[in-house]
């Protein structure tokens, strides 16, 4: 029953597999080398799934992308889908079945590790719950067989070791047997994509919540003395204090950063007001860039140090003896705390 032209992997990918997959409303990639993530083991090549599903990079908080990038951002082209947890490997009529399954095992390992890191974000070590949040499939044109798998991590076999990853076969379908069998296999495949997306979105929401809580705390630095508070106010390039600004002030990206303007833009400094609000302004340095947050929302970023505002660096400033906050005055000197 299979199309006689489906002899090669490329033809399977272009003519047969799209019928099984349908038209899912999900971020996807095809035959893209995972050349950015940390290798699962030394001496192995980069994973390169024939097809995979992930999420938009913008769905993840910038700090999560920074902290977990080497596990969840698979490609050097960082615009590609992140946190992939659904994979497919394809072979033509004469394709190597064992090689295809080995490729899928590699794909699933990368995906299961990324999900483990994301679900454990902000925790003291990895969290193992015994559940599988990563799915994979193989389709072999010669046998007409669709095989479906899951993978889940467990604790290292020895203290200090790496997590163990377990691949489990869940269903097999002879897609060229009958129309009913084909529909059943395609339904299982599409449902697995939906479930993988659901798990991915839960993990992202959980990680973003942790990141937002961290930034909310960072946006309220402790001003230990009245003198230090006066120093912040005196050197702010804003002529209006936070106490005079409406807490729900809406400052657009264009007003914050206009490269065509020679005049410095007014920016509210981080948490000068004693009132705590989700609308408070905060700057943070991460991954070689400076990010501006309003509450827990990233509103802009830039490569140069913003003058006249306190900027938070979780790792501590090298010239500030490890202190995490830096205020760089317009005159060029800096203050740390």
C-alpha atoms as a PDB file:
ATOM      1  CA  UNK A   1       0.000   0.000   0.000  1.00  0.00           C
ATOM      2  CA  UNK A   2       2.965   2.314   0.476  1.00  0.00           C
ATOM      3  CA  UNK A   3       3.866   4.738  -2.295  1.00  0.00           C
ATOM      4  CA  UNK A   4       6.499   3.091  -4.462  1.00  0.00           C
ATOM      5  CA  UNK A   5       8.534   6.323  -4.553  1.00  0.00           C
ATOM      6  CA  UNK A   6       9.122   6.235  -0.787  1.00  0.00           C
ATOM      7  CA  UNK A   7      12.442   4.458  -1.159  1.00  0.00           C
ATOM      8  CA  UNK A   8      14.777   7.031   0.284  1.00  0.00           C
ATOM      9  CA  UNK A   9      14.812   8.854   3.596  1.00  0.00           C
ATOM     10  CA  UNK A  10      14.318  12.227   1.912  1.00  0.00           C
ATOM     11  CA  UNK A  11      11.229  11.008   0.047  1.00  0.00           C
ATOM     12  CA  UNK A  12       9.817   9.497   3.234  1.00  0.00           C
ATOM     13  CA  UNK A  13      10.340  12.842   4.963  1.00  0.00           C
ATOM     14  CA  UNK A  14       8.695  14.870   2.216  1.00  0.00           C
ATOM     15  CA  UNK A  15       5.894  12.568   1.007  1.00  0.00           C
ATOM     16  CA  UNK A  16       4.955  10.011   3.672  1.00  0.00           C
ATOM     17  CA  UNK A  17       5.756  11.465   7.071  1.00  0.00           C
ATOM     18  CA  UNK A  18       3.703  14.688   6.609  1.00  0.00           C
ATOM     19  CA  UNK A  19       0.594  12.505   6.168  1.00  0.00           C
ATOM     20  CA  UNK A  20       1.264  10.834   9.530  1.00  0.00           C
ATOM     21  CA  UNK A  21       2.178  14.087  11.259  1.00  0.00           C
ATOM     22  CA  UNK A  22      -0.641  16.237   9.907  1.00  0.00           C
ATOM     23  CA  UNK A  23      -0.378  19.990  10.380  1.00  0.00           C
ATOM     24  CA  UNK A  24       0.340  20.555  14.062  1.00  0.00           C
ATOM     25  CA  UNK A  25       0.265  24.060  15.508  1.00  0.00           C
ATOM     26  CA  UNK A  26       3.639  23.641  17.181  1.00  0.00           C
ATOM     27  CA  UNK A  27       7.200  24.917  16.724  1.00  0.00           C
ATOM     28  CA  UNK A  28       9.281  22.380  14.803  1.00  0.00           C
ATOM     29  CA  UNK A  29      12.591  21.765  13.045  1.00  0.00           C
ATOM     30  CA  UNK A  30      13.876  19.262  10.497  1.00  0.00           C
ATOM     31  CA  UNK A  31      17.319  17.718  10.108  1.00  0.00           C
ATOM     32  CA  UNK A  32      18.988  20.422  12.225  1.00  0.00           C
ATOM     33  CA  UNK A  33      22.235  19.626  14.004  1.00  0.00           C
ATOM     34  CA  UNK A  34      22.124  20.063  17.783  1.00  0.00           C
ATOM     35  CA  UNK A  35      25.511  21.777  17.887  1.00  0.00           C
ATOM     36  CA  UNK A  36      25.017  24.009  20.940  1.00  0.00           C
ATOM     37  CA  UNK A  37      24.015  21.653  23.750  1.00  0.00           C
ATOM     38  CA  UNK A  38      26.511  19.883  25.978  1.00  0.00           C
ATOM     39  CA  UNK A  39      27.320  16.421  24.654  1.00  0.00           C
ATOM     40  CA  UNK A  40      25.756  13.510  26.499  1.00  0.00           C
ATOM     41  CA  UNK A  41      29.047  11.614  26.335  1.00  0.00           C
ATOM     42  CA  UNK A  42      32.538  12.186  25.023  1.00  0.00           C
ATOM     43  CA  UNK A  43      33.345  11.050  21.503  1.00  0.00           C
ATOM     44  CA  UNK A  44      29.818  11.085  20.084  1.00  0.00           C
ATOM     45  CA  UNK A  45      28.600  13.313  17.273  1.00  0.00           C
ATOM     46  CA  UNK A  46      25.867  15.926  17.624  1.00  0.00           C
ATOM     47  CA  UNK A  47      22.291  14.721  17.572  1.00  0.00           C
ATOM     48  CA  UNK A  48      20.462  15.594  14.349  1.00  0.00           C
ATOM     49  CA  UNK A  49      16.823  14.451  14.410  1.00  0.00           C
ATOM     50  CA  UNK A  50      14.909  14.232  11.173  1.00  0.00           C
ATOM     51  CA  UNK A  51      12.049  16.077  12.877  1.00  0.00           C
ATOM     52  CA  UNK A  52      11.525  17.583  16.330  1.00  0.00           C
ATOM     53  CA  UNK A  53       9.111  19.785  18.273  1.00  0.00           C
ATOM     54  CA  UNK A  54      10.042  22.514  20.728  1.00  0.00           C
ATOM     55  CA  UNK A  55       8.932  25.937  21.951  1.00  0.00           C
ATOM     56  CA  UNK A  56       9.603  29.517  20.927  1.00  0.00           C
ATOM     57  CA  UNK A  57      12.708  30.980  22.615  1.00  0.00           C
ATOM     58  CA  UNK A  58      10.621  33.978  23.707  1.00  0.00           C
ATOM     59  CA  UNK A  59       8.399  31.668  25.771  1.00  0.00           C
ATOM     60  CA  UNK A  60      11.262  31.195  28.233  1.00  0.00           C
ATOM     61  CA  UNK A  61      12.423  33.911  30.597  1.00  0.00           C
ATOM     62  CA  UNK A  62      15.790  35.389  29.569  1.00  0.00           C
ATOM     63  CA  UNK A  63      17.429  34.209  32.798  1.00  0.00           C
ATOM     64  CA  UNK A  64      16.234  30.635  32.221  1.00  0.00           C
ATOM     65  CA  UNK A  65      17.676  30.711  28.704  1.00  0.00           C
ATOM     66  CA  UNK A  66      20.939  32.033  30.114  1.00  0.00           C
ATOM     67  CA  UNK A  67      21.195  29.541  32.977  1.00  0.00           C
ATOM     68  CA  UNK A  68      20.068  26.440  31.067  1.00  0.00           C
ATOM     69  CA  UNK A  69      21.083  27.386  27.525  1.00  0.00           C
ATOM     70  CA  UNK A  70      23.646  24.610  27.120  1.00  0.00           C
ATOM     71  CA  UNK A  71      20.921  22.040  27.878  1.00  0.00           C
ATOM     72  CA  UNK A  72      17.760  23.456  26.298  1.00  0.00           C
ATOM     73  CA  UNK A  73      18.886  25.591  23.323  1.00  0.00           C
ATOM     74  CA  UNK A  74      19.947  22.912  20.836  1.00  0.00           C
ATOM     75  CA  UNK A  75      21.180  24.945  17.863  1.00  0.00           C
ATOM     76  CA  UNK A  76      23.726  27.707  17.420  1.00  0.00           C
ATOM     77  CA  UNK A  77      20.971  29.458  15.525  1.00  0.00           C
ATOM     78  CA  UNK A  78      19.186  30.487  18.716  1.00  0.00           C
ATOM     79  CA  UNK A  79      16.031  31.446  16.838  1.00  0.00           C
ATOM     80  CA  UNK A  80      15.246  27.746  16.418  1.00  0.00           C
ATOM     81  CA  UNK A  81      12.853  25.927  18.799  1.00  0.00           C
ATOM     82  CA  UNK A  82      14.103  25.387  22.351  1.00  0.00           C
ATOM     83  CA  UNK A  83      13.476  22.659  24.928  1.00  0.00           C
ATOM     84  CA  UNK A  84      12.725  19.961  22.314  1.00  0.00           C
ATOM     85  CA  UNK A  85      10.974  16.936  23.795  1.00  0.00           C
ATOM     86  CA  UNK A  86       9.421  15.198  20.787  1.00  0.00           C
ATOM     87  CA  UNK A  87      11.570  13.597  18.075  1.00  0.00           C
ATOM     88  CA  UNK A  88      11.202  11.499  14.931  1.00  0.00           C
ATOM     89  CA  UNK A  89      13.754   9.519  12.941  1.00  0.00           C
ATOM     90  CA  UNK A  90      12.963   8.257   9.437  1.00  0.00           C
ATOM     91  CA  UNK A  91      14.486   5.679   7.101  1.00  0.00           C
ATOM     92  CA  UNK A  92      13.854   4.627   3.517  1.00  0.00           C
ATOM     93  CA  UNK A  93      13.227   1.051   2.370  1.00  0.00           C
ATOM     94  CA  UNK A  94      16.844  -0.004   2.753  1.00  0.00           C
ATOM     95  CA  UNK A  95      17.573   2.090   5.837  1.00  0.00           C
ATOM     96  CA  UNK A  96      19.364   0.637   8.869  1.00  0.00           C
ATOM     97  CA  UNK A  97      16.765  -0.037  11.581  1.00  0.00           C
ATOM     98  CA  UNK A  98      19.320  -0.421  14.369  1.00  0.00           C
ATOM     99  CA  UNK A  99      21.044   2.823  13.359  1.00  0.00           C
ATOM    100  CA  UNK A 100      17.711   4.649  13.313  1.00  0.00           C
ATOM    101  CA  UNK A 101      16.855   3.489  16.835  1.00  0.00           C
ATOM    102  CA  UNK A 102      20.309   4.497  18.060  1.00  0.00           C
ATOM    103  CA  UNK A 103      19.807   7.969  16.592  1.00  0.00           C
ATOM    104  CA  UNK A 104      16.462   8.287  18.341  1.00  0.00           C
ATOM    105  CA  UNK A 105      18.011   7.192  21.642  1.00  0.00           C
ATOM    106  CA  UNK A 106      20.497  10.049  21.294  1.00  0.00           C
ATOM    107  CA  UNK A 107      17.714  12.535  20.464  1.00  0.00           C
ATOM    108  CA  UNK A 108      15.620  11.423  23.416  1.00  0.00           C
ATOM    109  CA  UNK A 109      18.579  11.677  25.783  1.00  0.00           C
ATOM    110  CA  UNK A 110      19.093  15.323  24.849  1.00  0.00           C
ATOM    111  CA  UNK A 111      15.384  16.026  25.245  1.00  0.00           C
ATOM    112  CA  UNK A 112      14.966  14.176  28.554  1.00  0.00           C
ATOM    113  CA  UNK A 113      17.991  15.938  30.026  1.00  0.00           C
ATOM    114  CA  UNK A 114      16.638  19.341  28.970  1.00  0.00           C
ATOM    115  CA  UNK A 115      13.267  18.620  30.545  1.00  0.00           C
ATOM    116  CA  UNK A 116      14.964  17.384  33.740  1.00  0.00           C
ATOM    117  CA  UNK A 117      17.018  20.587  33.998  1.00  0.00           C
ATOM    118  CA  UNK A 118      13.999  22.794  33.325  1.00  0.00           C
ATOM    119  CA  UNK A 119      11.708  21.016  35.796  1.00  0.00           C
ATOM    120  CA  UNK A 120      14.501  21.175  38.394  1.00  0.00           C
ATOM    121  CA  UNK A 121      15.314  24.847  37.776  1.00  0.00           C
ATOM    122  CA  UNK A 122      15.797  26.719  41.025  1.00  0.00           C
ATOM    123  CA  UNK A 123      15.895  23.520  43.077  1.00  0.00           C
ATOM    124  CA  UNK A 124      18.786  22.068  45.042  1.00  0.00           C
ATOM    125  CA  UNK A 125      19.825  19.454  42.491  1.00  0.00           C
ATOM    126  CA  UNK A 126      17.811  17.481  39.959  1.00  0.00           C
ATOM    127  CA  UNK A 127      14.273  16.379  40.796  1.00  0.00           C
ATOM    128  CA  UNK A 128      13.389  12.817  39.764  1.00  0.00           C
ATOM    129  CA  UNK A 129       9.717  11.850  39.779  1.00  0.00           C
ATOM    130  CA  UNK A 130       9.863   8.721  37.600  1.00  0.00           C
ATOM    131  CA  UNK A 131       7.710  10.252  34.860  1.00  0.00           C
ATOM    132  CA  UNK A 132       8.485  10.488  31.149  1.00  0.00           C
ATOM    133  CA  UNK A 133       8.146  13.933  29.589  1.00  0.00           C
ATOM    134  CA  UNK A 134       9.951  13.151  26.328  1.00  0.00           C
ATOM    135  CA  UNK A 135       8.574  11.229  23.319  1.00  0.00           C
ATOM    136  CA  UNK A 136      10.047   9.808  20.140  1.00  0.00           C
ATOM    137  CA  UNK A 137       9.090   7.810  17.066  1.00  0.00           C
ATOM    138  CA  UNK A 138      10.732   5.933  14.214  1.00  0.00           C
ATOM    139  CA  UNK A 139       9.221   5.246  10.837  1.00  0.00           C
ATOM    140  CA  UNK A 140      10.787   2.708   8.464  1.00  0.00           C
ATOM    141  CA  UNK A 141       9.507   2.817   4.908  1.00  0.00           C
ATOM    142  CA  UNK A 142      10.560  -0.747   4.070  1.00  0.00           C
ATOM    143  CA  UNK A 143       8.546  -2.340   6.877  1.00  0.00           C
ATOM    144  CA  UNK A 144       5.903   0.387   6.945  1.00  0.00           C
ATOM    145  CA  UNK A 145       6.270   0.397  10.721  1.00  0.00           C
ATOM    146  CA  UNK A 146       5.781   3.301  13.109  1.00  0.00           C
ATOM    147  CA  UNK A 147       7.330   2.672  16.542  1.00  0.00           C
ATOM    148  CA  UNK A 148       6.757   4.991  19.476  1.00  0.00           C
ATOM    149  CA  UNK A 149       8.919   5.490  22.568  1.00  0.00           C
ATOM    150  CA  UNK A 150       9.317   7.525  25.725  1.00  0.00           C
ATOM    151  CA  UNK A 151      12.383   8.313  27.818  1.00  0.00           C
ATOM    152  CA  UNK A 152      12.661   9.237  31.490  1.00  0.00           C
ATOM    153  CA  UNK A 153      15.620  10.007  33.779  1.00  0.00           C
ATOM    154  CA  UNK A 154      16.500   8.363  37.085  1.00  0.00           C
ATOM    155  CA  UNK A 155      19.077   9.173  39.731  1.00  0.00           C
ATOM    156  CA  UNK A 156      22.768   8.452  39.046  1.00  0.00           C
ATOM    157  CA  UNK A 157      23.921   4.923  39.774  1.00  0.00           C
ATOM    158  CA  UNK A 158      26.663   6.332  42.000  1.00  0.00           C
ATOM    159  CA  UNK A 159      26.878   9.552  44.044  1.00  0.00           C
ATOM    160  CA  UNK A 160      28.186  12.395  41.920  1.00  0.00           C
ATOM    161  CA  UNK A 161      27.488  10.548  38.680  1.00  0.00           C
ATOM    162  CA  UNK A 162      25.292  11.539  35.771  1.00  0.00           C
ATOM    163  CA  UNK A 163      21.556  10.821  35.577  1.00  0.00           C
ATOM    164  CA  UNK A 164      20.516   7.590  33.887  1.00  0.00           C
ATOM    165  CA  UNK A 165      18.080   7.733  30.970  1.00  0.00           C
ATOM    166  CA  UNK A 166      15.672   4.912  30.136  1.00  0.00           C
ATOM    167  CA  UNK A 167      14.020   4.447  26.740  1.00  0.00           C
ATOM    168  CA  UNK A 168      10.726   2.541  26.677  1.00  0.00           C
ATOM    169  CA  UNK A 169       8.782   1.261  23.654  1.00  0.00           C
ATOM    170  CA  UNK A 170       5.074   2.027  24.039  1.00  0.00           C
ATOM    171  CA  UNK A 171       3.338   1.165  20.712  1.00  0.00           C
ATOM    172  CA  UNK A 172       4.054  -0.260  17.233  1.00  0.00           C
ATOM    173  CA  UNK A 173       1.851   0.241  14.180  1.00  0.00           C
ATOM    174  CA  UNK A 174       1.944  -1.429  10.759  1.00  0.00           C
ATOM    175  CA  UNK A 175       1.051   1.718   8.838  1.00  0.00           C
ATOM    176  CA  UNK A 176       0.672  -0.143   5.507  1.00  0.00           C
ATOM    177  CA  UNK A 177      -1.623  -2.838   6.915  1.00  0.00           C
ATOM    178  CA  UNK A 178      -5.019  -1.127   6.639  1.00  0.00           C
ATOM    179  CA  UNK A 179      -6.632   2.284   6.657  1.00  0.00           C
ATOM    180  CA  UNK A 180      -7.801   1.677  10.225  1.00  0.00           C
ATOM    181  CA  UNK A 181      -4.305   0.804  11.449  1.00  0.00           C
ATOM    182  CA  UNK A 182      -2.877   3.852   9.713  1.00  0.00           C
ATOM    183  CA  UNK A 183      -5.446   6.129  11.354  1.00  0.00           C
ATOM    184  CA  UNK A 184      -4.740   4.602  14.762  1.00  0.00           C
ATOM    185  CA  UNK A 185      -0.985   5.080  14.391  1.00  0.00           C
ATOM    186  CA  UNK A 186      -1.351   8.656  13.120  1.00  0.00           C
ATOM    187  CA  UNK A 187      -3.697   9.448  16.006  1.00  0.00           C
ATOM    188  CA  UNK A 188      -1.210   8.136  18.559  1.00  0.00           C
ATOM    189  CA  UNK A 189       1.586  10.107  16.952  1.00  0.00           C
ATOM    190  CA  UNK A 190      -0.355  13.367  16.908  1.00  0.00           C
ATOM    191  CA  UNK A 191      -1.595  12.867  20.473  1.00  0.00           C
ATOM    192  CA  UNK A 192       1.999  12.326  21.604  1.00  0.00           C
ATOM    193  CA  UNK A 193       2.957  15.673  20.050  1.00  0.00           C
ATOM    194  CA  UNK A 194       0.124  17.369  21.930  1.00  0.00           C
ATOM    195  CA  UNK A 195       1.126  15.733  25.211  1.00  0.00           C
ATOM    196  CA  UNK A 196       4.784  16.660  24.733  1.00  0.00           C
ATOM    197  CA  UNK A 197       3.726  20.267  24.140  1.00  0.00           C
ATOM    198  CA  UNK A 198       1.609  20.219  27.299  1.00  0.00           C
ATOM    199  CA  UNK A 199       4.536  18.912  29.377  1.00  0.00           C
ATOM    200  CA  UNK A 200       6.865  21.457  27.796  1.00  0.00           C
ATOM    201  CA  UNK A 201       4.550  24.354  28.577  1.00  0.00           C
ATOM    202  CA  UNK A 202       4.181  23.236  32.209  1.00  0.00           C
ATOM    203  CA  UNK A 203       7.959  23.046  32.605  1.00  0.00           C
ATOM    204  CA  UNK A 204       8.413  26.478  31.040  1.00  0.00           C
ATOM    205  CA  UNK A 205       5.731  28.056  33.234  1.00  0.00           C
ATOM    206  CA  UNK A 206       7.324  26.556  36.344  1.00  0.00           C
ATOM    207  CA  UNK A 207      10.830  27.750  35.406  1.00  0.00           C
ATOM    208  CA  UNK A 208       9.577  31.219  34.487  1.00  0.00           C
ATOM    209  CA  UNK A 209       7.843  31.488  37.855  1.00  0.00           C
ATOM    210  CA  UNK A 210      11.131  30.714  39.619  1.00  0.00           C
ATOM    211  CA  UNK A 211      12.967  33.275  37.484  1.00  0.00           C
ATOM    212  CA  UNK A 212      10.332  35.933  38.089  1.00  0.00           C
ATOM    213  CA  UNK A 213      10.564  35.419  41.837  1.00  0.00           C
ATOM    214  CA  UNK A 214      14.336  35.876  41.664  1.00  0.00           C
ATOM    215  CA  UNK A 215      14.038  39.098  39.698  1.00  0.00           C
ATOM    216  CA  UNK A 216      11.327  40.431  41.980  1.00  0.00           C
ATOM    217  CA  UNK A 217      13.732  39.972  44.874  1.00  0.00           C
ATOM    218  CA  UNK A 218      16.622  41.464  42.917  1.00  0.00           C
ATOM    219  CA  UNK A 219      14.554  44.534  42.052  1.00  0.00           C
ATOM    220  CA  UNK A 220      14.306  45.404  45.760  1.00  0.00           C
ATOM    221  CA  UNK A 221      17.952  45.849  46.861  1.00  0.00           C
ATOM    222  CA  UNK A 222      18.489  46.579  50.509  1.00  0.00           C
ATOM    223  CA  UNK A 223      19.651  50.183  51.000  1.00  0.00           C
ATOM    224  CA  UNK A 224      21.493  49.828  54.267  1.00  0.00           C
ATOM    225  CA  UNK A 225      21.977  53.532  55.014  1.00  0.00           C
ATOM    226  CA  UNK A 226      20.309  56.818  54.238  1.00  0.00           C
ATOM    227  CA  UNK A 227      23.637  58.008  52.832  1.00  0.00           C
ATOM    228  CA  UNK A 228      23.731  55.275  50.173  1.00  0.00           C
ATOM    229  CA  UNK A 229      20.136  56.001  49.239  1.00  0.00           C
ATOM    230  CA  UNK A 230      21.004  59.670  48.760  1.00  0.00           C
ATOM    231  CA  UNK A 231      23.951  58.690  46.558  1.00  0.00           C
ATOM    232  CA  UNK A 232      21.656  56.732  44.280  1.00  0.00           C
ATOM    233  CA  UNK A 233      19.233  59.624  43.959  1.00  0.00           C
ATOM    234  CA  UNK A 234      21.959  62.232  43.468  1.00  0.00           C
ATOM    235  CA  UNK A 235      23.534  60.440  40.501  1.00  0.00           C
ATOM    236  CA  UNK A 236      20.393  59.248  38.760  1.00  0.00           C
ATOM    237  CA  UNK A 237      19.996  60.731  35.300  1.00  0.00           C
ATOM    238  CA  UNK A 238      16.277  61.019  36.013  1.00  0.00           C
ATOM    239  CA  UNK A 239      15.061  64.310  37.450  1.00  0.00           C
ATOM    240  CA  UNK A 240      12.029  62.651  38.972  1.00  0.00           C
ATOM    241  CA  UNK A 241      12.159  60.274  41.913  1.00  0.00           C
ATOM    242  CA  UNK A 242      10.338  56.955  41.943  1.00  0.00           C
ATOM    243  CA  UNK A 243       8.007  58.307  44.633  1.00  0.00           C
ATOM    244  CA  UNK A 244       6.747  60.877  42.126  1.00  0.00           C
ATOM    245  CA  UNK A 245       6.252  58.400  39.290  1.00  0.00           C
ATOM    246  CA  UNK A 246       2.974  56.525  38.860  1.00  0.00           C
ATOM    247  CA  UNK A 247       3.552  52.898  39.811  1.00  0.00           C
ATOM    248  CA  UNK A 248       1.949  51.700  36.586  1.00  0.00           C
ATOM    249  CA  UNK A 249       3.993  54.019  34.343  1.00  0.00           C
ATOM    250  CA  UNK A 250       4.177  52.598  30.820  1.00  0.00           C
ATOM    251  CA  UNK A 251       7.574  53.452  29.296  1.00  0.00           C
ATOM    252  CA  UNK A 252       7.927  51.988  25.814  1.00  0.00           C
ATOM    253  CA  UNK A 253      11.071  50.361  24.427  1.00  0.00           C
ATOM    254  CA  UNK A 254      11.345  53.174  21.890  1.00  0.00           C
ATOM    255  CA  UNK A 255      11.436  55.813  24.601  1.00  0.00           C
ATOM    256  CA  UNK A 256      13.988  53.881  26.618  1.00  0.00           C
ATOM    257  CA  UNK A 257      16.430  53.290  23.791  1.00  0.00           C
ATOM    258  CA  UNK A 258      16.544  55.532  20.758  1.00  0.00           C
ATOM    259  CA  UNK A 259      19.916  55.177  18.971  1.00  0.00           C
ATOM    260  CA  UNK A 260      19.164  58.202  16.788  1.00  0.00           C
ATOM    261  CA  UNK A 261      18.889  60.556  19.746  1.00  0.00           C
ATOM    262  CA  UNK A 262      21.943  62.309  21.177  1.00  0.00           C
ATOM    263  CA  UNK A 263      20.167  63.162  24.419  1.00  0.00           C
ATOM    264  CA  UNK A 264      20.236  60.616  27.254  1.00  0.00           C
ATOM    265  CA  UNK A 265      16.874  59.112  28.029  1.00  0.00           C
ATOM    266  CA  UNK A 266      15.431  59.263  31.515  1.00  0.00           C
ATOM    267  CA  UNK A 267      15.344  55.922  33.272  1.00  0.00           C
ATOM    268  CA  UNK A 268      13.961  55.137  36.686  1.00  0.00           C
ATOM    269  CA  UNK A 269      16.543  53.629  39.020  1.00  0.00           C
ATOM    270  CA  UNK A 270      16.094  50.260  40.674  1.00  0.00           C
ATOM    271  CA  UNK A 271      13.736  50.299  43.637  1.00  0.00           C
ATOM    272  CA  UNK A 272      14.452  53.757  45.067  1.00  0.00           C
ATOM    273  CA  UNK A 273      10.956  53.967  46.443  1.00  0.00           C
ATOM    274  CA  UNK A 274      10.132  52.334  49.760  1.00  0.00           C
ATOM    275  CA  UNK A 275       6.900  51.119  48.186  1.00  0.00           C
ATOM    276  CA  UNK A 276       7.078  47.620  46.766  1.00  0.00           C
ATOM    277  CA  UNK A 277       5.324  47.092  43.449  1.00  0.00           C
ATOM    278  CA  UNK A 278       5.416  44.707  40.530  1.00  0.00           C
ATOM    279  CA  UNK A 279       5.931  47.828  38.382  1.00  0.00           C
ATOM    280  CA  UNK A 280       9.351  48.620  39.957  1.00  0.00           C
ATOM    281  CA  UNK A 281      12.272  49.080  37.572  1.00  0.00           C
ATOM    282  CA  UNK A 282      15.375  46.905  37.677  1.00  0.00           C
ATOM    283  CA  UNK A 283      18.518  46.391  35.585  1.00  0.00           C
ATOM    284  CA  UNK A 284      20.422  43.117  35.559  1.00  0.00           C
ATOM    285  CA  UNK A 285      23.608  41.934  33.854  1.00  0.00           C
ATOM    286  CA  UNK A 286      23.480  38.412  32.400  1.00  0.00           C
ATOM    287  CA  UNK A 287      25.157  36.522  29.582  1.00  0.00           C
ATOM    288  CA  UNK A 288      27.157  39.560  28.407  1.00  0.00           C
ATOM    289  CA  UNK A 289      24.191  41.945  28.152  1.00  0.00           C
ATOM    290  CA  UNK A 290      22.238  44.379  30.319  1.00  0.00           C
ATOM    291  CA  UNK A 291      18.514  43.655  30.727  1.00  0.00           C
ATOM    292  CA  UNK A 292      15.890  46.137  31.858  1.00  0.00           C
ATOM    293  CA  UNK A 293      12.940  44.717  33.809  1.00  0.00           C
ATOM    294  CA  UNK A 294       9.696  46.284  34.857  1.00  0.00           C
ATOM    295  CA  UNK A 295       8.585  44.043  37.664  1.00  0.00           C
ATOM    296  CA  UNK A 296       9.189  40.543  36.275  1.00  0.00           C
ATOM    297  CA  UNK A 297       8.843  41.570  32.618  1.00  0.00           C
ATOM    298  CA  UNK A 298      11.887  42.153  30.428  1.00  0.00           C
ATOM    299  CA  UNK A 299      11.235  45.353  28.478  1.00  0.00           C
ATOM    300  CA  UNK A 300      14.592  45.971  26.798  1.00  0.00           C
ATOM    301  CA  UNK A 301      18.263  45.027  26.651  1.00  0.00           C
ATOM    302  CA  UNK A 302      21.527  46.568  25.508  1.00  0.00           C
ATOM    303  CA  UNK A 303      25.203  45.694  25.228  1.00  0.00           C
ATOM    304  CA  UNK A 304      26.611  48.759  27.016  1.00  0.00           C
ATOM    305  CA  UNK A 305      26.446  49.489  30.738  1.00  0.00           C
ATOM    306  CA  UNK A 306      23.491  51.820  31.462  1.00  0.00           C
ATOM    307  CA  UNK A 307      24.676  54.966  33.242  1.00  0.00           C
ATOM    308  CA  UNK A 308      22.940  56.414  36.265  1.00  0.00           C
ATOM    309  CA  UNK A 309      21.169  53.248  37.419  1.00  0.00           C
ATOM    310  CA  UNK A 310      21.985  50.395  39.787  1.00  0.00           C
ATOM    311  CA  UNK A 311      22.653  47.148  37.898  1.00  0.00           C
ATOM    312  CA  UNK A 312      22.508  43.707  39.518  1.00  0.00           C
ATOM    313  CA  UNK A 313      25.007  40.922  38.701  1.00  0.00           C
ATOM    314  CA  UNK A 314      24.215  37.591  40.332  1.00  0.00           C
ATOM    315  CA  UNK A 315      27.873  36.493  39.991  1.00  0.00           C
ATOM    316  CA  UNK A 316      29.247  39.692  41.528  1.00  0.00           C
ATOM    317  CA  UNK A 317      31.171  42.496  39.812  1.00  0.00           C
ATOM    318  CA  UNK A 318      34.889  41.700  39.209  1.00  0.00           C
ATOM    319  CA  UNK A 319      35.979  45.249  40.105  1.00  0.00           C
ATOM    320  CA  UNK A 320      33.657  45.426  43.087  1.00  0.00           C
ATOM    321  CA  UNK A 321      35.165  42.622  45.180  1.00  0.00           C
ATOM    322  CA  UNK A 322      32.222  40.397  44.382  1.00  0.00           C
ATOM    323  CA  UNK A 323      29.534  42.908  45.321  1.00  0.00           C
ATOM    324  CA  UNK A 324      26.407  42.352  43.255  1.00  0.00           C
ATOM    325  CA  UNK A 325      25.179  45.908  42.649  1.00  0.00           C
ATOM    326  CA  UNK A 326      27.020  48.528  40.595  1.00  0.00           C
ATOM    327  CA  UNK A 327      26.159  52.165  39.945  1.00  0.00           C
ATOM    328  CA  UNK A 328      28.176  53.705  37.102  1.00  0.00           C
ATOM    329  CA  UNK A 329      28.051  57.470  37.169  1.00  0.00           C
ATOM    330  CA  UNK A 330      28.059  59.645  34.074  1.00  0.00           C
ATOM    331  CA  UNK A 331      31.557  60.822  35.019  1.00  0.00           C
ATOM    332  CA  UNK A 332      32.925  57.296  34.566  1.00  0.00           C
ATOM    333  CA  UNK A 333      33.478  56.149  38.167  1.00  0.00           C
ATOM    334  CA  UNK A 334      31.498  53.341  39.758  1.00  0.00           C
ATOM    335  CA  UNK A 335      30.063  52.570  43.173  1.00  0.00           C
ATOM    336  CA  UNK A 336      29.393  49.023  44.410  1.00  0.00           C
ATOM    337  CA  UNK A 337      27.368  47.455  47.171  1.00  0.00           C
END
